Amino acid sequence: MPSSRVAAPAPPRVTARRQATRDRVLEAASEVFAERGFHGATVEEICERAGFTRGAFYSNFSSKDDLVVELSRRHSEALVDRIRHASKRAHADADELLRDVFAALADDSRSQERWLVLTTEFTLHAIRDAHARRAWAAQQRRVRDELVAVVDEAVARQGLALPMPTELFVRAAIALAQGSMTQRLIEPRAIGVGQLERTVLPILLGLGG
């Protein structure tokens, strides 16, 4: 008997012109957020920087929250690509693999630190706002899922067995990296770029000792 289920409509195609508008708004938002912070930035200022009207903004994004989530999507894609590329190089052992991954991330340390400031602000906002919290949690899950896939591929190539579920390892690695950057921003001379990660992550991978 044929199914009576109606297929969901395909998502609307994003035209090149619309994509260019979105890209310009996101670029402007990134600049204004860096200068004024999430709460200090206004939609009006972002529109002025991008050279668009509020109507153009709201035809592409519903709020500043949408901007941060989309910027996070793009930022995380670039981050995961760097990690994936570094992890696929030829490595003699797991220590060498970690060194390549750390080197790839250190190349973008200033950008990572600026991003941490914005996402810390947005995380505090999301804790207090249920709608923002749901959107932010969904985005964080997407990032973790991508990193879990990368880690699973890498440990399989090295013949390793993680001493914990991969998702737990990824959560710990993210918390460690964010905590390390936070400490470095507050006490720039107290800790080097990647120092905590290089010390602790091999232990989490079961390589210490």
C-alpha atoms as a PDB file:
ATOM      1  CA  MET A   1       0.000   0.000   0.000  1.00  0.00           C
ATOM      2  CA  PRO A   2       1.541   3.364  -0.981  1.00  0.00           C
ATOM      3  CA  SER A   3       2.558   5.631   1.866  1.00  0.00           C
ATOM      4  CA  SER A   4       0.417   8.703   2.511  1.00  0.00           C
ATOM      5  CA  ARG A   5       3.338  10.588   4.039  1.00  0.00           C
ATOM      6  CA  VAL A   6       4.026  13.861   2.270  1.00  0.00           C
ATOM      7  CA  ALA A   7       7.687  14.534   1.604  1.00  0.00           C
ATOM      8  CA  ALA A   8       9.107  17.571   3.384  1.00  0.00           C
ATOM      9  CA  PRO A   9       9.711  20.504   1.054  1.00  0.00           C
ATOM     10  CA  ALA A  10      13.305  21.069   0.023  1.00  0.00           C
ATOM     11  CA  PRO A  11      15.002  24.003   1.777  1.00  0.00           C
ATOM     12  CA  PRO A  12      15.020  27.191  -0.281  1.00  0.00           C
ATOM     13  CA  ARG A  13      18.081  27.623  -2.462  1.00  0.00           C
ATOM     14  CA  VAL A  14      20.434  30.363  -1.315  1.00  0.00           C
ATOM     15  CA  THR A  15      21.238  32.570  -4.289  1.00  0.00           C
ATOM     16  CA  ALA A  16      24.746  33.905  -4.873  1.00  0.00           C
ATOM     17  CA  ARG A  17      23.505  37.419  -4.125  1.00  0.00           C
ATOM     18  CA  ARG A  18      21.896  36.372  -0.865  1.00  0.00           C
ATOM     19  CA  GLN A  19      25.007  34.453   0.143  1.00  0.00           C
ATOM     20  CA  ALA A  20      27.153  37.509  -0.573  1.00  0.00           C
ATOM     21  CA  THR A  21      24.860  39.603   1.631  1.00  0.00           C
ATOM     22  CA  ARG A  22      25.104  37.056   4.455  1.00  0.00           C
ATOM     23  CA  ASP A  23      28.878  36.920   4.118  1.00  0.00           C
ATOM     24  CA  ARG A  24      29.183  40.721   4.346  1.00  0.00           C
ATOM     25  CA  VAL A  25      26.913  40.907   7.384  1.00  0.00           C
ATOM     26  CA  LEU A  26      28.859  38.135   9.114  1.00  0.00           C
ATOM     27  CA  GLU A  27      32.181  39.787   8.338  1.00  0.00           C
ATOM     28  CA  ALA A  28      30.899  43.094   9.725  1.00  0.00           C
ATOM     29  CA  ALA A  29      29.494  41.348  12.797  1.00  0.00           C
ATOM     30  CA  SER A  30      32.822  39.658  13.448  1.00  0.00           C
ATOM     31  CA  GLU A  31      34.594  43.028  13.372  1.00  0.00           C
ATOM     32  CA  VAL A  32      32.037  44.807  15.569  1.00  0.00           C
ATOM     33  CA  PHE A  33      31.901  41.946  18.086  1.00  0.00           C
ATOM     34  CA  ALA A  34      35.710  42.034  18.323  1.00  0.00           C
ATOM     35  CA  GLU A  35      35.642  45.779  18.978  1.00  0.00           C
ATOM     36  CA  ARG A  36      32.591  46.110  21.225  1.00  0.00           C
ATOM     37  CA  GLY A  37      31.738  42.642  22.487  1.00  0.00           C
ATOM     38  CA  PHE A  38      28.487  40.743  22.056  1.00  0.00           C
ATOM     39  CA  HIS A  39      26.396  42.953  24.323  1.00  0.00           C
ATOM     40  CA  GLY A  40      28.042  46.195  23.246  1.00  0.00           C
ATOM     41  CA  ALA A  41      27.468  45.571  19.535  1.00  0.00           C
ATOM     42  CA  THR A  42      24.152  46.639  18.025  1.00  0.00           C
ATOM     43  CA  VAL A  43      22.322  45.478  14.921  1.00  0.00           C
ATOM     44  CA  GLU A  44      22.392  49.079  13.668  1.00  0.00           C
ATOM     45  CA  GLU A  45      26.180  49.258  13.976  1.00  0.00           C
ATOM     46  CA  ILE A  46      26.612  45.910  12.239  1.00  0.00           C
ATOM     47  CA  CYS A  47      24.313  47.028   9.402  1.00  0.00           C
ATOM     48  CA  GLU A  48      26.221  50.297   9.022  1.00  0.00           C
ATOM     49  CA  ARG A  49      29.556  48.461   8.912  1.00  0.00           C
ATOM     50  CA  ALA A  50      28.202  46.035   6.304  1.00  0.00           C
ATOM     51  CA  GLY A  51      26.554  48.792   4.255  1.00  0.00           C
ATOM     52  CA  PHE A  52      23.049  47.311   4.496  1.00  0.00           C
ATOM     53  CA  THR A  53      19.704  48.312   5.932  1.00  0.00           C
ATOM     54  CA  ARG A  54      18.037  46.664   8.916  1.00  0.00           C
ATOM     55  CA  GLY A  55      15.646  45.089   6.415  1.00  0.00           C
ATOM     56  CA  ALA A  56      18.533  43.346   4.676  1.00  0.00           C
ATOM     57  CA  PHE A  57      19.794  42.151   8.047  1.00  0.00           C
ATOM     58  CA  TYR A  58      16.468  40.727   9.193  1.00  0.00           C
ATOM     59  CA  SER A  59      15.832  39.037   5.870  1.00  0.00           C
ATOM     60  CA  ASN A  60      18.915  36.927   6.593  1.00  0.00           C
ATOM     61  CA  PHE A  61      19.226  36.743  10.387  1.00  0.00           C
ATOM     62  CA  SER A  62      16.661  37.006  13.153  1.00  0.00           C
ATOM     63  CA  SER A  63      19.000  38.369  15.839  1.00  0.00           C
ATOM     64  CA  LYS A  64      22.552  38.810  17.047  1.00  0.00           C
ATOM     65  CA  ASP A  65      22.217  35.300  18.462  1.00  0.00           C
ATOM     66  CA  ASP A  66      21.860  33.955  14.914  1.00  0.00           C
ATOM     67  CA  LEU A  67      25.052  35.745  13.923  1.00  0.00           C
ATOM     68  CA  VAL A  68      27.099  34.151  16.701  1.00  0.00           C
ATOM     69  CA  VAL A  69      25.750  30.668  15.968  1.00  0.00           C
ATOM     70  CA  GLU A  70      26.557  31.014  12.255  1.00  0.00           C
ATOM     71  CA  LEU A  71      29.993  32.476  12.998  1.00  0.00           C
ATOM     72  CA  SER A  72      30.567  29.525  15.318  1.00  0.00           C
ATOM     73  CA  ARG A  73      29.583  27.094  12.573  1.00  0.00           C
ATOM     74  CA  ARG A  74      32.118  28.623  10.197  1.00  0.00           C
ATOM     75  CA  HIS A  75      34.806  28.920  12.860  1.00  0.00           C
ATOM     76  CA  SER A  76      34.369  25.302  13.945  1.00  0.00           C
ATOM     77  CA  GLU A  77      34.460  24.034  10.358  1.00  0.00           C
ATOM     78  CA  ALA A  78      37.824  25.739   9.829  1.00  0.00           C
ATOM     79  CA  LEU A  79      39.111  24.430  13.156  1.00  0.00           C
ATOM     80  CA  VAL A  80      38.035  20.851  12.469  1.00  0.00           C
ATOM     81  CA  ASP A  81      39.549  21.016   8.976  1.00  0.00           C
ATOM     82  CA  ARG A  82      42.917  22.075  10.434  1.00  0.00           C
ATOM     83  CA  ILE A  83      42.808  19.270  12.996  1.00  0.00           C
ATOM     84  CA  ARG A  84      41.747  16.709  10.378  1.00  0.00           C
ATOM     85  CA  HIS A  85      44.509  17.799   7.979  1.00  0.00           C
ATOM     86  CA  ALA A  86      47.169  17.693  10.701  1.00  0.00           C
ATOM     87  CA  SER A  87      45.995  14.294  11.954  1.00  0.00           C
ATOM     88  CA  LYS A  88      46.184  12.747   8.468  1.00  0.00           C
ATOM     89  CA  ARG A  89      49.881  13.477   7.956  1.00  0.00           C
ATOM     90  CA  ALA A  90      52.282  10.576   8.194  1.00  0.00           C
ATOM     91  CA  HIS A  91      53.205  10.009  11.844  1.00  0.00           C
ATOM     92  CA  ALA A  92      55.644   7.636  13.449  1.00  0.00           C
ATOM     93  CA  ASP A  93      53.699   7.558  16.720  1.00  0.00           C
ATOM     94  CA  ALA A  94      50.874   9.193  18.654  1.00  0.00           C
ATOM     95  CA  ASP A  95      53.184  11.776  20.265  1.00  0.00           C
ATOM     96  CA  GLU A  96      54.162  13.027  16.816  1.00  0.00           C
ATOM     97  CA  LEU A  97      50.496  13.200  15.793  1.00  0.00           C
ATOM     98  CA  LEU A  98      49.724  15.369  18.836  1.00  0.00           C
ATOM     99  CA  ARG A  99      52.651  17.669  18.066  1.00  0.00           C
ATOM    100  CA  ASP A 100      51.328  18.255  14.547  1.00  0.00           C
ATOM    101  CA  VAL A 101      47.812  18.951  15.809  1.00  0.00           C
ATOM    102  CA  PHE A 102      49.077  21.374  18.455  1.00  0.00           C
ATOM    103  CA  ALA A 103      51.231  23.146  15.869  1.00  0.00           C
ATOM    104  CA  ALA A 104      48.227  23.557  13.559  1.00  0.00           C
ATOM    105  CA  LEU A 105      46.168  25.088  16.354  1.00  0.00           C
ATOM    106  CA  ALA A 106      48.988  27.346  17.578  1.00  0.00           C
ATOM    107  CA  ASP A 107      49.176  28.930  14.109  1.00  0.00           C
ATOM    108  CA  ASP A 108      45.778  30.481  14.813  1.00  0.00           C
ATOM    109  CA  SER A 109      46.183  31.244  18.534  1.00  0.00           C
ATOM    110  CA  ARG A 110      45.356  34.974  18.304  1.00  0.00           C
ATOM    111  CA  SER A 111      42.167  34.272  16.368  1.00  0.00           C
ATOM    112  CA  GLN A 112      41.266  31.538  18.850  1.00  0.00           C
ATOM    113  CA  GLU A 113      41.724  33.924  21.766  1.00  0.00           C
ATOM    114  CA  ARG A 114      39.492  36.591  20.189  1.00  0.00           C
ATOM    115  CA  TRP A 115      36.889  33.935  19.509  1.00  0.00           C
ATOM    116  CA  LEU A 116      37.065  32.713  23.119  1.00  0.00           C
ATOM    117  CA  VAL A 117      36.216  36.197  24.414  1.00  0.00           C
ATOM    118  CA  LEU A 118      33.103  36.402  22.214  1.00  0.00           C
ATOM    119  CA  THR A 119      31.901  32.874  22.954  1.00  0.00           C
ATOM    120  CA  THR A 120      32.422  33.345  26.694  1.00  0.00           C
ATOM    121  CA  GLU A 121      30.143  36.381  26.552  1.00  0.00           C
ATOM    122  CA  PHE A 122      27.612  34.499  24.459  1.00  0.00           C
ATOM    123  CA  THR A 123      27.702  31.471  26.737  1.00  0.00           C
ATOM    124  CA  LEU A 124      26.784  33.657  29.710  1.00  0.00           C
ATOM    125  CA  HIS A 125      23.951  35.128  27.626  1.00  0.00           C
ATOM    126  CA  ALA A 126      22.789  31.622  26.648  1.00  0.00           C
ATOM    127  CA  ILE A 127      22.760  30.450  30.264  1.00  0.00           C
ATOM    128  CA  ARG A 128      20.192  33.167  30.997  1.00  0.00           C
ATOM    129  CA  ASP A 129      18.168  32.882  27.777  1.00  0.00           C
ATOM    130  CA  ALA A 130      16.428  29.576  27.030  1.00  0.00           C
ATOM    131  CA  HIS A 131      16.150  30.105  23.256  1.00  0.00           C
ATOM    132  CA  ALA A 132      19.818  31.069  22.936  1.00  0.00           C
ATOM    133  CA  ARG A 133      20.784  28.150  25.170  1.00  0.00           C
ATOM    134  CA  ARG A 134      19.020  25.618  22.940  1.00  0.00           C
ATOM    135  CA  ALA A 135      20.631  27.035  19.780  1.00  0.00           C
ATOM    136  CA  TRP A 136      24.072  27.195  21.411  1.00  0.00           C
ATOM    137  CA  ALA A 137      23.809  23.668  22.821  1.00  0.00           C
ATOM    138  CA  ALA A 138      22.855  22.335  19.381  1.00  0.00           C
ATOM    139  CA  GLN A 139      25.854  24.056  17.810  1.00  0.00           C
ATOM    140  CA  GLN A 140      28.196  22.705  20.480  1.00  0.00           C
ATOM    141  CA  ARG A 141      26.858  19.190  19.825  1.00  0.00           C
ATOM    142  CA  ARG A 142      27.598  19.589  16.107  1.00  0.00           C
ATOM    143  CA  VAL A 143      31.185  20.608  16.866  1.00  0.00           C
ATOM    144  CA  ARG A 144      31.677  17.712  19.269  1.00  0.00           C
ATOM    145  CA  ASP A 145      30.234  15.219  16.778  1.00  0.00           C
ATOM    146  CA  GLU A 146      32.683  16.418  14.110  1.00  0.00           C
ATOM    147  CA  LEU A 147      35.622  16.223  16.516  1.00  0.00           C
ATOM    148  CA  VAL A 148      34.575  12.772  17.712  1.00  0.00           C
ATOM    149  CA  ALA A 149      34.725  11.560  14.099  1.00  0.00           C
ATOM    150  CA  VAL A 150      38.187  13.089  13.615  1.00  0.00           C
ATOM    151  CA  VAL A 151      39.522  11.591  16.855  1.00  0.00           C
ATOM    152  CA  ASP A 152      38.087   8.150  16.063  1.00  0.00           C
ATOM    153  CA  GLU A 153      39.780   8.219  12.651  1.00  0.00           C
ATOM    154  CA  ALA A 154      43.089   9.347  14.125  1.00  0.00           C
ATOM    155  CA  VAL A 155      43.256   6.801  16.949  1.00  0.00           C
ATOM    156  CA  ALA A 156      42.266   4.028  14.544  1.00  0.00           C
ATOM    157  CA  ARG A 157      45.145   4.955  12.200  1.00  0.00           C
ATOM    158  CA  GLN A 158      47.560   4.930  15.155  1.00  0.00           C
ATOM    159  CA  GLY A 159      46.184   1.663  16.521  1.00  0.00           C
ATOM    160  CA  LEU A 160      45.254   3.300  19.818  1.00  0.00           C
ATOM    161  CA  ALA A 161      42.409   2.556  22.213  1.00  0.00           C
ATOM    162  CA  LEU A 162      41.125   5.513  24.189  1.00  0.00           C
ATOM    163  CA  PRO A 163      40.776   4.834  27.934  1.00  0.00           C
ATOM    164  CA  MET A 164      37.376   6.590  27.866  1.00  0.00           C
ATOM    165  CA  PRO A 165      34.493   7.176  25.434  1.00  0.00           C
ATOM    166  CA  THR A 166      35.578   9.443  22.573  1.00  0.00           C
ATOM    167  CA  GLU A 167      32.909  12.032  23.326  1.00  0.00           C
ATOM    168  CA  LEU A 168      34.143  12.318  26.902  1.00  0.00           C
ATOM    169  CA  PHE A 169      37.697  12.769  25.648  1.00  0.00           C
ATOM    170  CA  VAL A 170      36.537  15.503  23.234  1.00  0.00           C
ATOM    171  CA  ARG A 171      34.638  17.288  26.001  1.00  0.00           C
ATOM    172  CA  ALA A 172      37.725  17.157  28.219  1.00  0.00           C
ATOM    173  CA  ALA A 173      39.974  18.406  25.410  1.00  0.00           C
ATOM    174  CA  ILE A 174      37.646  21.337  24.650  1.00  0.00           C
ATOM    175  CA  ALA A 175      37.394  22.269  28.333  1.00  0.00           C
ATOM    176  CA  LEU A 176      41.174  22.060  28.667  1.00  0.00           C
ATOM    177  CA  ALA A 177      41.825  24.216  25.592  1.00  0.00           C
ATOM    178  CA  GLN A 178      39.288  26.854  26.626  1.00  0.00           C
ATOM    179  CA  GLY A 179      40.516  26.902  30.204  1.00  0.00           C
ATOM    180  CA  SER A 180      44.118  27.197  29.046  1.00  0.00           C
ATOM    181  CA  MET A 181      43.297  30.150  26.785  1.00  0.00           C
ATOM    182  CA  THR A 182      41.335  31.848  29.569  1.00  0.00           C
ATOM    183  CA  GLN A 183      44.270  31.569  31.949  1.00  0.00           C
ATOM    184  CA  ARG A 184      46.662  32.830  29.282  1.00  0.00           C
ATOM    185  CA  LEU A 185      44.499  35.879  28.564  1.00  0.00           C
ATOM    186  CA  ILE A 186      44.420  36.753  32.268  1.00  0.00           C
ATOM    187  CA  GLU A 187      48.077  35.891  32.950  1.00  0.00           C
ATOM    188  CA  PRO A 188      49.862  36.104  29.572  1.00  0.00           C
ATOM    189  CA  ARG A 189      53.302  35.199  30.941  1.00  0.00           C
ATOM    190  CA  ALA A 190      52.217  32.407  33.259  1.00  0.00           C
ATOM    191  CA  ILE A 191      51.594  29.731  30.639  1.00  0.00           C
ATOM    192  CA  GLY A 192      52.717  29.146  27.069  1.00  0.00           C
ATOM    193  CA  VAL A 193      50.483  28.486  24.080  1.00  0.00           C
ATOM    194  CA  GLY A 194      49.440  24.835  24.211  1.00  0.00           C
ATOM    195  CA  GLN A 195      51.481  24.079  27.330  1.00  0.00           C
ATOM    196  CA  LEU A 196      48.622  22.575  29.331  1.00  0.00           C
ATOM    197  CA  GLU A 197      47.299  20.684  26.325  1.00  0.00           C
ATOM    198  CA  ARG A 198      50.705  19.193  25.494  1.00  0.00           C
ATOM    199  CA  THR A 199      51.055  18.062  29.107  1.00  0.00           C
ATOM    200  CA  VAL A 200      47.572  16.753  29.861  1.00  0.00           C
ATOM    201  CA  LEU A 201      46.146  15.404  26.590  1.00  0.00           C
ATOM    202  CA  PRO A 202      48.763  12.605  26.231  1.00  0.00           C
ATOM    203  CA  ILE A 203      47.711  11.432  29.703  1.00  0.00           C
ATOM    204  CA  LEU A 204      44.053  11.429  28.659  1.00  0.00           C
ATOM    205  CA  LEU A 205      45.040   9.407  25.595  1.00  0.00           C
ATOM    206  CA  GLY A 206      46.742   6.879  27.840  1.00  0.00           C
ATOM    207  CA  LEU A 207      50.218   7.844  26.629  1.00  0.00           C
ATOM    208  CA  GLY A 208      51.547   9.233  29.889  1.00  0.00           C
ATOM    209  CA  GLY A 209      53.787   7.302  32.170  1.00  0.00           C
END
